[in-house]
Each structure stands twice: as C-alpha cells, then as structure tokens.
C-alpha atoms as a PDB file:
ATOM      1  CA  MET A   1      -0.023   0.008  -0.101  1.00  0.00           C
ATOM      2  CA  GLU A   2       1.242   3.484  -0.905  1.00  0.00           C
ATOM      3  CA  PRO A   3       2.138   5.753   2.031  1.00  0.00           C
ATOM      4  CA  CYS A   4      -0.645   8.245   2.984  1.00  0.00           C
ATOM      5  CA  THR A   5       0.545  11.620   4.079  1.00  0.00           C
ATOM      6  CA  GLN A   6      -2.751  13.121   5.245  1.00  0.00           C
ATOM      7  CA  VAL A   7      -4.067  10.280   7.462  1.00  0.00           C
ATOM      8  CA  ARG A   8      -2.133   8.455  10.016  1.00  0.00           C
ATOM      9  CA  TYR A   9      -3.881   4.963  10.073  1.00  0.00           C
ATOM     10  CA  ASN A  10      -3.020   1.615  11.428  1.00  0.00           C
ATOM     11  CA  GLU A  11      -4.125  -1.879  11.126  1.00  0.00           C
ATOM     12  CA  ALA A  12      -6.811  -1.557  13.828  1.00  0.00           C
ATOM     13  CA  PHE A  13      -8.343   1.440  11.915  1.00  0.00           C
ATOM     14  CA  LYS A  14      -8.135  -0.435   8.582  1.00  0.00           C
ATOM     15  CA  ARG A  15     -10.034  -3.563  10.104  1.00  0.00           C
ATOM     16  CA  GLN A  16     -12.759  -1.022  11.625  1.00  0.00           C
ATOM     17  CA  VAL A  17     -13.409   0.480   8.233  1.00  0.00           C
ATOM     18  CA  VAL A  18     -13.785  -3.034   6.781  1.00  0.00           C
ATOM     19  CA  ARG A  19     -16.132  -4.041   9.687  1.00  0.00           C
ATOM     20  CA  GLU A  20     -18.158  -0.909   8.900  1.00  0.00           C
ATOM     21  CA  LEU A  21     -18.293  -1.381   5.193  1.00  0.00           C
ATOM     22  CA  GLU A  22     -19.194  -5.204   5.618  1.00  0.00           C
ATOM     23  CA  SER A  23     -22.156  -4.173   7.875  1.00  0.00           C
ATOM     24  CA  GLY A  24     -23.532  -1.636   5.613  1.00  0.00           C
ATOM     25  CA  ARG A  25     -22.930   1.124   8.171  1.00  0.00           C
ATOM     26  CA  PHE A  26     -20.384   3.183   6.526  1.00  0.00           C
ATOM     27  CA  GLY A  27     -21.532   6.715   6.652  1.00  0.00           C
ATOM     28  CA  SER A  28     -20.478   9.982   4.831  1.00  0.00           C
ATOM     29  CA  SER A  29     -17.146  11.744   4.972  1.00  0.00           C
ATOM     30  CA  ARG A  30     -18.538  14.258   7.530  1.00  0.00           C
ATOM     31  CA  GLU A  31     -19.572  11.273   9.784  1.00  0.00           C
ATOM     32  CA  TRP A  32     -15.822  10.063   9.612  1.00  0.00           C
ATOM     33  CA  ARG A  33     -14.457  13.450  10.273  1.00  0.00           C
ATOM     34  CA  THR A  34     -16.802  13.863  13.313  1.00  0.00           C
ATOM     35  CA  HIS A  35     -16.482  10.265  14.904  1.00  0.00           C
ATOM     36  CA  TYR A  36     -13.010   9.187  13.831  1.00  0.00           C
ATOM     37  CA  GLY A  37     -11.184  12.377  13.409  1.00  0.00           C
ATOM     38  CA  ILE A  38      -9.832  11.890  10.002  1.00  0.00           C
ATOM     39  CA  GLY A  39      -9.330  14.533   7.180  1.00  0.00           C
ATOM     40  CA  GLY A  40     -11.590  16.052   4.609  1.00  0.00           C
ATOM     41  CA  GLY A  41     -13.592  14.228   1.859  1.00  0.00           C
ATOM     42  CA  SER A  42     -11.074  13.935  -0.719  1.00  0.00           C
ATOM     43  CA  THR A  43      -8.642  12.438   1.857  1.00  0.00           C
ATOM     44  CA  VAL A  44     -11.010   9.805   2.797  1.00  0.00           C
ATOM     45  CA  ARG A  45     -11.779   9.043  -0.919  1.00  0.00           C
ATOM     46  CA  ARG A  46      -7.934   8.661  -1.504  1.00  0.00           C
ATOM     47  CA  TRP A  47      -7.575   6.413   1.498  1.00  0.00           C
ATOM     48  CA  LEU A  48     -10.532   4.054   0.259  1.00  0.00           C
ATOM     49  CA  GLU A  49      -9.117   4.094  -3.272  1.00  0.00           C
ATOM     50  CA  ARG A  50      -5.816   2.632  -1.868  1.00  0.00           C
ATOM     51  CA  MET A  51      -7.815   0.169  -0.005  1.00  0.00           C
ATOM     52  CA  GLY A  52      -9.521  -0.886  -3.151  1.00  0.00           C
ATOM     53  CA  ARG A  53      -6.344  -1.394  -5.078  1.00  0.00           C
ATOM     54  CA  ASN A  54      -4.991  -3.690  -2.449  1.00  0.00           C
ATOM     55  CA  ASP A  55      -8.355  -5.853  -2.510  1.00  0.00           C
ATOM     56  CA  LEU A  56      -9.304  -4.641   0.998  1.00  0.00           C
ATOM     57  CA  MET A  57     -12.655  -3.313  -0.023  1.00  0.00           C
ATOM     58  CA  PRO A  58     -15.648  -5.821   0.215  1.00  0.00           C
ATOM     59  CA  LYS A  59     -17.664  -6.119  -2.709  1.00  0.00           C
ATOM     60  CA  VAL A  60     -21.158  -4.412  -2.365  1.00  0.00           C
ATOM     61  CA  VAL A  61     -24.004  -5.668  -4.690  1.00  0.00           C
ATOM     62  CA  ARG A  62     -26.552  -2.880  -5.104  1.00  0.00           C
ATOM     63  CA  VAL A  63     -30.139  -3.882  -5.562  1.00  0.00           C
ATOM     64  CA  LYS A  64     -31.884  -1.235  -8.033  1.00  0.00           C
ATOM     65  CA  ARG A  65     -35.472  -2.085  -7.458  1.00  0.00           C
ATOM     66  CA  PRO A  66     -36.977  -0.252  -4.569  1.00  0.00           C
ATOM     67  CA  ALA A  67     -39.887  -1.290  -2.440  1.00  0.00           C
ATOM     68  CA  ARG A  68     -42.944   0.668  -2.741  1.00  0.00           C
ATOM     69  CA  THR A  69     -44.228   2.385   0.438  1.00  0.00           C
ATOM     70  CA  THR A  70     -46.977   4.597  -0.819  1.00  0.00           C
ATOM     71  CA  ASP A  71     -50.398   3.426  -1.968  1.00  0.00           C
ATOM     72  CA  SER A  72     -52.699   6.298  -2.932  1.00  0.00           C
ATOM     73  CA  ARG A  73     -55.351   4.167  -4.290  1.00  0.00           C
ATOM     74  CA  HIS A  74     -57.871   3.923  -1.630  1.00  0.00           C
ATOM     75  CA  SER A  75     -61.304   5.365  -0.572  1.00  0.00           C
ATOM     76  CA  PHE A  76     -60.425   7.399   2.475  1.00  0.00           C
ATOM     77  CA  ARG A  77     -60.676  11.123   2.500  1.00  0.00           C
ATOM     78  CA  VAL A  78     -57.764  13.161   1.350  1.00  0.00           C
ATOM     79  CA  TYR A  79     -56.703  16.674   2.540  1.00  0.00           C
ATOM     80  CA  GLY A  80     -55.368  19.659   0.784  1.00  0.00           C
ATOM     81  CA  ASN A  81     -51.771  20.933   1.049  1.00  0.00           C
ATOM     82  CA  LEU A  82     -51.685  23.640   3.830  1.00  0.00           C
ATOM     83  CA  VAL A  83     -47.856  24.088   3.791  1.00  0.00           C
ATOM     84  CA  LYS A  84     -47.284  24.721   0.132  1.00  0.00           C
ATOM     85  CA  ASP A  85     -46.701  28.422   0.499  1.00  0.00           C
ATOM     86  CA  LEU A  86     -46.336  28.617   4.329  1.00  0.00           C
ATOM     87  CA  GLU A  87     -43.371  30.290   5.877  1.00  0.00           C
ATOM     88  CA  ILE A  88     -42.162  27.947   8.713  1.00  0.00           C
ATOM     89  CA  VAL A  89     -40.598  30.173  11.378  1.00  0.00           C
ATOM     90  CA  ARG A  90     -40.850  28.222  14.625  1.00  0.00           C
ATOM     91  CA  PRO A  91     -40.568  24.652  16.184  1.00  0.00           C
ATOM     92  CA  HIS A  92     -43.833  22.690  16.468  1.00  0.00           C
ATOM     93  CA  GLN A  93     -45.331  24.581  13.575  1.00  0.00           C
ATOM     94  CA  VAL A  94     -45.310  21.788  11.016  1.00  0.00           C
ATOM     95  CA  LEU A  95     -44.583  18.092  11.405  1.00  0.00           C
ATOM     96  CA  VAL A  96     -43.822  16.231   8.193  1.00  0.00           C
ATOM     97  CA  SER A  97     -44.147  12.337   7.977  1.00  0.00           C
ATOM     98  CA  ASP A  98     -42.876   9.759   5.605  1.00  0.00           C
ATOM     99  CA  MET A  99     -41.994   5.993   5.318  1.00  0.00           C
ATOM    100  CA  THR A 100     -39.021   4.191   3.912  1.00  0.00           C
ATOM    101  CA  TYR A 101     -37.693   0.803   3.805  1.00  0.00           C
ATOM    102  CA  ILE A 102     -34.674  -0.962   5.148  1.00  0.00           C
ATOM    103  CA  ARG A 103     -33.348  -4.231   3.593  1.00  0.00           C
ATOM    104  CA  THR A 104     -32.447  -7.230   5.602  1.00  0.00           C
ATOM    105  CA  ASP A 105     -31.676 -10.836   4.558  1.00  0.00           C
ATOM    106  CA  GLU A 106     -34.971 -11.675   6.649  1.00  0.00           C
ATOM    107  CA  GLY A 107     -37.040  -9.287   4.563  1.00  0.00           C
ATOM    108  CA  PHE A 108     -37.946  -5.422   4.582  1.00  0.00           C
ATOM    109  CA  LEU A 109     -38.345  -3.370   7.659  1.00  0.00           C
ATOM    110  CA  TYR A 110     -40.427  -0.222   7.178  1.00  0.00           C
ATOM    111  CA  LEU A 111     -39.303   2.868   9.022  1.00  0.00           C
ATOM    112  CA  CYS A 112     -41.750   5.618   9.724  1.00  0.00           C
ATOM    113  CA  LEU A 113     -40.513   8.956  10.626  1.00  0.00           C
ATOM    114  CA  VAL A 114     -41.899  12.273  11.747  1.00  0.00           C
ATOM    115  CA  MET A 115     -39.874  15.318  11.635  1.00  0.00           C
ATOM    116  CA  ASP A 116     -40.297  18.910  12.906  1.00  0.00           C
ATOM    117  CA  ALA A 117     -40.031  20.862   9.760  1.00  0.00           C
ATOM    118  CA  PHE A 118     -38.247  23.940  11.401  1.00  0.00           C
ATOM    119  CA  SER A 119     -35.642  22.130  13.720  1.00  0.00           C
ATOM    120  CA  ARG A 120     -35.279  19.066  11.317  1.00  0.00           C
ATOM    121  CA  ALA A 121     -35.273  16.879  14.513  1.00  0.00           C
ATOM    122  CA  ILE A 122     -36.894  13.527  14.205  1.00  0.00           C
ATOM    123  CA  VAL A 123     -39.687  13.670  16.742  1.00  0.00           C
ATOM    124  CA  GLY A 124     -41.226  10.242  16.136  1.00  0.00           C
ATOM    125  CA  HIS A 125     -40.084   7.078  14.568  1.00  0.00           C
ATOM    126  CA  ASP A 126     -41.012   3.301  14.501  1.00  0.00           C
ATOM    127  CA  CYS A 127     -39.898   0.175  12.688  1.00  0.00           C
ATOM    128  CA  SER A 128     -42.424  -2.428  11.518  1.00  0.00           C
ATOM    129  CA  ASP A 129     -42.492  -5.580   9.646  1.00  0.00           C
ATOM    130  CA  THR A 130     -45.310  -4.530   7.252  1.00  0.00           C
ATOM    131  CA  LEU A 131     -46.728  -1.367   5.557  1.00  0.00           C
ATOM    132  CA  GLU A 132     -49.779  -1.528   7.761  1.00  0.00           C
ATOM    133  CA  ARG A 133     -50.987   1.692   9.689  1.00  0.00           C
ATOM    134  CA  GLU A 134     -49.799   0.535  12.974  1.00  0.00           C
ATOM    135  CA  GLY A 135     -46.233   1.700  12.616  1.00  0.00           C
ATOM    136  CA  ALA A 136     -47.208   5.114  11.380  1.00  0.00           C
ATOM    137  CA  ILE A 137     -49.532   5.526  14.330  1.00  0.00           C
ATOM    138  CA  ARG A 138     -46.988   4.833  16.793  1.00  0.00           C
ATOM    139  CA  ALA A 139     -44.437   7.283  15.079  1.00  0.00           C
ATOM    140  CA  LEU A 140     -47.256  10.036  15.140  1.00  0.00           C
ATOM    141  CA  ASP A 141     -48.275   9.356  18.677  1.00  0.00           C
ATOM    142  CA  LEU A 142     -44.623   9.925  19.949  1.00  0.00           C
ATOM    143  CA  ALA A 143     -44.442  13.127  17.958  1.00  0.00           C
ATOM    144  CA  LEU A 144     -47.767  14.464  19.168  1.00  0.00           C
ATOM    145  CA  LYS A 145     -46.752  13.743  22.869  1.00  0.00           C
ATOM    146  CA  GLN A 146     -43.862  16.293  22.416  1.00  0.00           C
ATOM    147  CA  LEU A 147     -46.234  19.115  21.182  1.00  0.00           C
ATOM    148  CA  PRO A 148     -46.873  22.028  23.765  1.00  0.00           C
ATOM    149  CA  PRO A 149     -50.478  22.815  24.329  1.00  0.00           C
ATOM    150  CA  GLY A 150     -52.002  25.241  21.898  1.00  0.00           C
ATOM    151  CA  SER A 151     -48.980  24.728  19.323  1.00  0.00           C
ATOM    152  CA  GLY A 152     -51.406  25.157  16.412  1.00  0.00           C
ATOM    153  CA  ALA A 153     -49.292  22.542  14.598  1.00  0.00           C
ATOM    154  CA  ILE A 154     -50.021  21.151  10.978  1.00  0.00           C
ATOM    155  CA  HIS A 155     -49.278  17.570  10.091  1.00  0.00           C
ATOM    156  CA  HIS A 156     -48.112  17.047   6.709  1.00  0.00           C
ATOM    157  CA  SER A 157     -47.687  13.862   4.726  1.00  0.00           C
ATOM    158  CA  ASP A 158     -48.411  12.164   1.452  1.00  0.00           C
ATOM    159  CA  ARG A 159     -51.754  10.422   0.575  1.00  0.00           C
ATOM    160  CA  GLY A 160     -50.698   7.039   1.366  1.00  0.00           C
ATOM    161  CA  SER A 161     -53.443   4.901   3.048  1.00  0.00           C
ATOM    162  CA  GLN A 162     -51.519   4.616   6.144  1.00  0.00           C
ATOM    163  CA  TYR A 163     -51.806   8.470   6.461  1.00  0.00           C
ATOM    164  CA  CYS A 164     -55.429   8.837   5.313  1.00  0.00           C
ATOM    165  CA  CYS A 165     -56.957   5.955   7.426  1.00  0.00           C
ATOM    166  CA  HIS A 166     -59.489   6.814  10.143  1.00  0.00           C
ATOM    167  CA  GLU A 167     -57.309   5.518  13.060  1.00  0.00           C
ATOM    168  CA  TYR A 168     -54.422   7.820  11.849  1.00  0.00           C
ATOM    169  CA  VAL A 169     -56.299  10.954  11.075  1.00  0.00           C
ATOM    170  CA  GLY A 170     -58.201  10.708  14.286  1.00  0.00           C
ATOM    171  CA  LEU A 171     -54.810  11.280  16.273  1.00  0.00           C
ATOM    172  CA  PRO A 172     -54.063  14.761  15.028  1.00  0.00           C
ATOM    173  CA  GLU A 173     -57.824  15.749  15.031  1.00  0.00           C
ATOM    174  CA  ALA A 174     -57.988  14.747  18.748  1.00  0.00           C
ATOM    175  CA  ALA A 175     -54.849  16.816  19.356  1.00  0.00           C
ATOM    176  CA  THR A 176     -56.376  19.938  17.389  1.00  0.00           C
ATOM    177  CA  VAL A 177     -53.486  19.425  14.825  1.00  0.00           C
ATOM    178  CA  SER A 178     -54.489  20.494  11.241  1.00  0.00           C
ATOM    179  CA  ILE A 179     -54.014  17.974   8.513  1.00  0.00           C
ATOM    180  CA  SER A 180     -52.154  18.749   5.269  1.00  0.00           C
ATOM    181  CA  MET A 181     -51.318  16.357   2.333  1.00  0.00           C
ATOM    182  CA  THR A 182     -49.574  16.320  -0.963  1.00  0.00           C
ATOM    183  CA  ARG A 183     -51.302  16.143  -4.216  1.00  0.00           C
ATOM    184  CA  GLU A 184     -51.354  12.703  -5.713  1.00  0.00           C
ATOM    185  CA  ASN A 185     -47.891  11.593  -7.034  1.00  0.00           C
ATOM    186  CA  HIS A 186     -46.345  14.793  -6.001  1.00  0.00           C
ATOM    187  CA  CYS A 187     -43.784  13.713  -3.777  1.00  0.00           C
ATOM    188  CA  TYR A 188     -41.728  16.821  -4.112  1.00  0.00           C
ATOM    189  CA  GLU A 189     -44.386  18.549  -1.893  1.00  0.00           C
ATOM    190  CA  ASN A 190     -43.103  16.463   1.008  1.00  0.00           C
ATOM    191  CA  SER A 191     -39.540  16.949  -0.045  1.00  0.00           C
ATOM    192  CA  GLN A 192     -38.155  17.532   3.499  1.00  0.00           C
ATOM    193  CA  ALA A 193     -39.338  14.199   4.742  1.00  0.00           C
ATOM    194  CA  GLU A 194     -37.983  12.567   1.660  1.00  0.00           C
ATOM    195  CA  ARG A 195     -34.535  14.244   1.973  1.00  0.00           C
ATOM    196  CA  LEU A 196     -34.587  12.890   5.633  1.00  0.00           C
ATOM    197  CA  ASN A 197     -34.954   9.425   4.280  1.00  0.00           C
ATOM    198  CA  GLY A 198     -31.942   9.826   2.013  1.00  0.00           C
ATOM    199  CA  ILE A 199     -29.937  11.461   4.748  1.00  0.00           C
ATOM    200  CA  LEU A 200     -30.379   8.469   6.952  1.00  0.00           C
ATOM    201  CA  LYS A 201     -29.442   5.994   4.286  1.00  0.00           C
ATOM    202  CA  ARG A 202     -26.373   7.721   2.822  1.00  0.00           C
ATOM    203  CA  GLU A 203     -24.986   9.201   5.959  1.00  0.00           C
ATOM    204  CA  TYR A 204     -25.964   6.932   8.681  1.00  0.00           C
ATOM    205  CA  GLY A 205     -25.743   3.544   6.938  1.00  0.00           C
ATOM    206  CA  LEU A 206     -29.405   2.524   6.686  1.00  0.00           C
ATOM    207  CA  GLY A 207     -29.142   2.164   2.914  1.00  0.00           C
ATOM    208  CA  GLY A 208     -27.270  -1.158   3.189  1.00  0.00           C
ATOM    209  CA  THR A 209     -28.505  -4.652   3.672  1.00  0.00           C
ATOM    210  CA  PHE A 210     -28.556  -5.937   7.215  1.00  0.00           C
ATOM    211  CA  GLY A 211     -28.288  -9.602   8.281  1.00  0.00           C
ATOM    212  CA  ARG A 212     -31.216  -9.615  10.717  1.00  0.00           C
ATOM    213  CA  LYS A 213     -34.150  -7.435  11.486  1.00  0.00           C
ATOM    214  CA  GLY A 214     -32.942  -6.962  14.992  1.00  0.00           C
ATOM    215  CA  GLU A 215     -29.581  -5.632  13.865  1.00  0.00           C
ATOM    216  CA  ALA A 216     -31.325  -3.214  11.494  1.00  0.00           C
ATOM    217  CA  MET A 217     -33.560  -1.829  14.339  1.00  0.00           C
ATOM    218  CA  ARG A 218     -30.585  -1.294  16.526  1.00  0.00           C
ATOM    219  CA  ALA A 219     -28.937   0.668  13.611  1.00  0.00           C
ATOM    220  CA  VAL A 220     -32.115   2.670  13.229  1.00  0.00           C
ATOM    221  CA  SER A 221     -31.986   3.832  16.989  1.00  0.00           C
ATOM    222  CA  GLU A 222     -28.377   4.693  16.782  1.00  0.00           C
ATOM    223  CA  ALA A 223     -28.899   6.565  13.523  1.00  0.00           C
ATOM    224  CA  VAL A 224     -31.759   8.698  14.981  1.00  0.00           C
ATOM    225  CA  HIS A 225     -29.752   9.471  18.135  1.00  0.00           C
ATOM    226  CA  LEU A 226     -26.769  10.568  15.928  1.00  0.00           C
ATOM    227  CA  TYR A 227     -28.810  12.478  13.508  1.00  0.00           C
ATOM    228  CA  ASN A 228     -30.848  14.323  16.242  1.00  0.00           C
ATOM    229  CA  TRP A 229     -27.719  15.029  18.628  1.00  0.00           C
ATOM    230  CA  ARG A 230     -24.603  15.165  16.467  1.00  0.00           C
ATOM    231  CA  ARG A 231     -25.494  16.326  13.142  1.00  0.00           C
ATOM    232  CA  ARG A 232     -25.786  19.936  12.258  1.00  0.00           C
ATOM    233  CA  HIS A 233     -29.276  20.768  10.918  1.00  0.00           C
END
C-alpha cells in the first residue's frame, strides 16, 4: 500500500473500516470526520481508493429495484396542502411524516418517521415488519406527545393509505392539529421528509442490507440518536 501523508492509519483502524463497510453502516465523509477524526472528504476517498487497489474493500451488490411504500389508491378522505406556500418560522409549527424501507436478509423493515420541519429533528419513529398503519400511528403518537398545548401545529404527509385511514387522522384531530397532504404523485411537496430518508440511508448506513431485522432496528435507533444530537441541521 502506498504511504498516506494526510491520514495516520494503522491495522486496527483498517479493520474497523472493513467492518463498517461489511455491515452496511459506512456513513459520509462528514461522519468520519466527526466520529473518527480523519481529514476531509478527498482524503477519505483517496484512502479508500488505496484500500480498493489492495483488495481490502468488500464487494457491494446494489439492488436497484426499490420497495413501494405509498399506496394512494384508496377510498379514504384526502386533505389539501396547507404548507405549500407557508413560511415555517418556529418549532412545533409543522410536522412532516414519511415512510421508507430498510433491507435485511430476513425481509424488509419499514421505517416511519415524523420530523419537525423547523428544527429538522426526528420527533417520532417506528420500525415495523409491514406497511400497515400501526407503525405510522406509533410514530405519530410519539411526535404528538411532544407538542406543547396550543401549538397550532400542522401535520403534513403524502396521501398513502396509512396516513388517510380513520385511525391515523383521528390522532391529529384529537390533538387539534391540522392535517395537510400532498397532491397525488407529487412527492416533491413532501421534500423535507423525502430528504430525511436519503440522509439516514447515505450518511448513517441505513441504505445497506442488514443480516437480521434486530440488527437493523438497533442501527435505526443509533442513526436517529446521532442525527438528532450530532448532526448540524
């Protein structure tokens, strides 16, 4: 291996990198600067290129076909978009919700997320084996419990059946929270929540394939904690 002038690495660090990559938990350059103290993104890339030339990089097989998490073909009531031109100026003003999938060798896990649109903090999350409404309801329940009285909050989501069913919309209605939804097939109207999914997968390792669902659920808890408390929003 060629000497690296910008990074002091040793065999233990090299083994750690390989373990991270093999587990599908390798994050962004920023995460390595934060948690491992190594240099800028170009330094990380050059170091990894050297690993690749020396056959130290595990092979990654990417599966291109995504899982579908939104089903807008249902008979439930849908709501208009209340946040399209809204200026978000304070915490607890708008909560945005979305679902994404996590791959494991035991099948998909479905991660339901609720984020405060102002602070960008994750205020509710839940992992479930299915796309049924229960996971979304549990995540929303956690988020609503953190709202101060009289917050006047708006809950925004896509038009998926999980978010339109009676059990789900009953929660914000009971908490006097207004309900807002995207237009059909207009995911850009929920871009903040979509972006959060991508950040967790790219920067916090949730985009890989885990061996077991229990391992994936532990990784989700760790990712949410790091995102909320270590990442600059």
